[in-house]
Amino acid sequence: MLILRSVVLFAVAALFEIGGAWLVWQGVREHRGLIWVGAGVIALGLYGFVATLQPEAHFGRILAAYGGVFVAGSLAWGMIVDGFRPDRFDILGALICLAGVAVIMYAPRGG
């Protein structure tokens, strides 16, 4: 159950961080305005809060593992929202990152 909770929290964090960054990008680079930027800043703040809900107690481990989620999630976001088409190396890289997440977060450790 802790693994499921952790995976869900990583997914929610990714939505807030990647979505927030995308909103800022839209506000600045696509000239959509300060409301988009403000919404992005709020989403990025929520990402920081969601990360604190992880069952793992070590900040460095959470953020290191989340890096892999961010890589895969960013490619998925690009596909869904922006029509990005990853190539085989993008996909391979994302799979390697997700394998790293699994090792960092869920490998059995002596107590």
Protein backbone atom coordinates (compact mmCIF):
# COMPACT_ATOMS: atom_id res chain seq x y z
CA MET A 1 0.00 0.00 0.00
CA LEU A 2 2.90 2.39 0.70
CA ILE A 3 4.27 1.80 -2.80
CA LEU A 4 0.88 2.59 -4.36
CA ARG A 5 0.62 5.77 -2.27
CA SER A 6 4.13 6.78 -3.29
CA VAL A 7 3.46 6.18 -7.01
CA VAL A 8 0.22 8.20 -6.86
CA LEU A 9 2.01 11.04 -5.06
CA PHE A 10 4.75 11.04 -7.70
CA ALA A 11 2.09 11.25 -10.43
CA VAL A 12 0.29 14.14 -8.70
CA ALA A 13 3.60 15.93 -8.11
CA ALA A 14 4.46 15.52 -11.80
CA LEU A 15 1.13 17.00 -12.86
CA PHE A 16 1.68 20.04 -10.65
CA GLU A 17 5.33 20.58 -11.56
CA ILE A 18 5.17 19.88 -15.27
CA GLY A 19 1.78 21.56 -15.59
CA GLY A 20 3.02 24.55 -13.63
CA ALA A 21 6.12 24.91 -15.74
CA TRP A 22 4.01 24.57 -18.89
CA LEU A 23 1.64 27.31 -17.68
CA VAL A 24 4.58 29.66 -17.01
CA TRP A 25 5.97 28.80 -20.46
CA GLN A 26 2.61 29.59 -22.04
CA GLY A 27 2.31 32.83 -20.14
CA VAL A 28 5.79 34.07 -21.05
CA ARG A 29 6.86 32.41 -24.29
CA GLU A 30 3.43 32.26 -25.91
CA HIS A 31 2.40 35.68 -24.56
CA ARG A 32 -0.75 34.44 -22.83
CA GLY A 33 -0.30 36.76 -19.89
CA LEU A 34 0.27 36.99 -16.19
CA ILE A 35 -2.77 34.91 -15.24
CA TRP A 36 -1.14 31.89 -16.88
CA VAL A 37 2.14 32.67 -15.16
CA GLY A 38 0.39 33.08 -11.79
CA ALA A 39 -1.47 29.80 -12.20
CA GLY A 40 1.85 28.15 -13.03
CA VAL A 41 3.51 29.56 -9.93
CA ILE A 42 0.66 28.25 -7.77
CA ALA A 43 0.91 24.81 -9.38
CA LEU A 44 4.68 24.75 -8.80
CA GLY A 45 4.10 25.60 -5.14
CA LEU A 46 1.61 22.75 -4.86
CA TYR A 47 4.21 20.42 -6.34
CA GLY A 48 6.54 21.30 -3.47
CA PHE A 49 3.82 20.56 -0.95
CA VAL A 50 2.85 17.21 -2.52
CA ALA A 51 6.47 16.04 -2.35
CA THR A 52 6.33 16.36 1.46
CA LEU A 53 3.53 13.78 1.60
CA GLN A 54 5.77 10.93 0.41
CA PRO A 55 6.11 8.14 3.00
CA GLU A 56 9.92 8.14 2.60
CA ALA A 57 11.61 10.42 5.14
CA HIS A 58 14.73 11.42 3.18
CA PHE A 59 14.41 14.58 1.08
CA GLY A 60 17.38 13.72 -1.14
CA ARG A 61 16.00 10.28 -1.98
CA ILE A 62 12.55 11.66 -2.83
CA LEU A 63 13.92 14.39 -5.10
CA ALA A 64 16.43 12.08 -6.76
CA ALA A 65 13.74 9.53 -7.55
CA TYR A 66 11.30 12.23 -8.62
CA GLY A 67 13.85 13.33 -11.23
CA GLY A 68 13.13 10.12 -13.15
CA VAL A 69 9.39 10.67 -12.87
CA PHE A 70 9.90 14.21 -14.16
CA VAL A 71 11.79 12.98 -17.23
CA ALA A 72 9.15 10.42 -18.19
CA GLY A 73 6.27 12.72 -17.26
CA SER A 74 7.66 15.58 -19.31
CA LEU A 75 7.80 13.41 -22.41
CA ALA A 76 4.26 12.17 -21.77
CA TRP A 77 3.02 15.75 -21.23
CA GLY A 78 4.63 16.81 -24.48
CA MET A 79 2.92 13.98 -26.32
CA ILE A 80 -0.52 14.64 -24.85
CA VAL A 81 -0.56 18.44 -24.72
CA ASP A 82 1.84 19.60 -27.43
CA GLY A 83 1.77 16.76 -29.95
CA PHE A 84 5.45 15.90 -29.36
CA ARG A 85 6.59 12.62 -30.90
CA PRO A 86 9.40 11.03 -28.85
CA ASP A 87 11.90 8.91 -30.70
CA ARG A 88 13.21 5.56 -29.52
CA PHE A 89 16.04 7.21 -27.59
CA ASP A 90 13.61 9.45 -25.71
CA ILE A 91 11.59 6.38 -24.77
CA LEU A 92 14.66 4.36 -23.82
CA GLY A 93 15.95 7.21 -21.70
CA ALA A 94 12.60 7.56 -19.93
CA LEU A 95 12.49 3.82 -19.21
CA ILE A 96 16.02 3.94 -17.77
CA CYS A 97 14.97 6.86 -15.58
CA LEU A 98 11.89 4.97 -14.33
CA ALA A 99 14.06 1.95 -13.56
CA GLY A 100 16.21 4.30 -11.48
CA VAL A 101 13.11 5.49 -9.64
CA ALA A 102 12.21 1.90 -8.79
CA VAL A 103 15.71 1.14 -7.50
CA ILE A 104 16.02 4.35 -5.48
CA MET A 105 12.56 4.23 -3.93
CA TYR A 106 11.47 0.63 -3.72
CA ALA A 107 14.57 -1.58 -3.41
CA PRO A 108 14.57 -3.53 -0.15
CA ARG A 109 16.83 -1.96 2.42
CA GLY A 110 18.02 -3.40 5.68
CA GLY A 111 16.37 -1.79 8.65
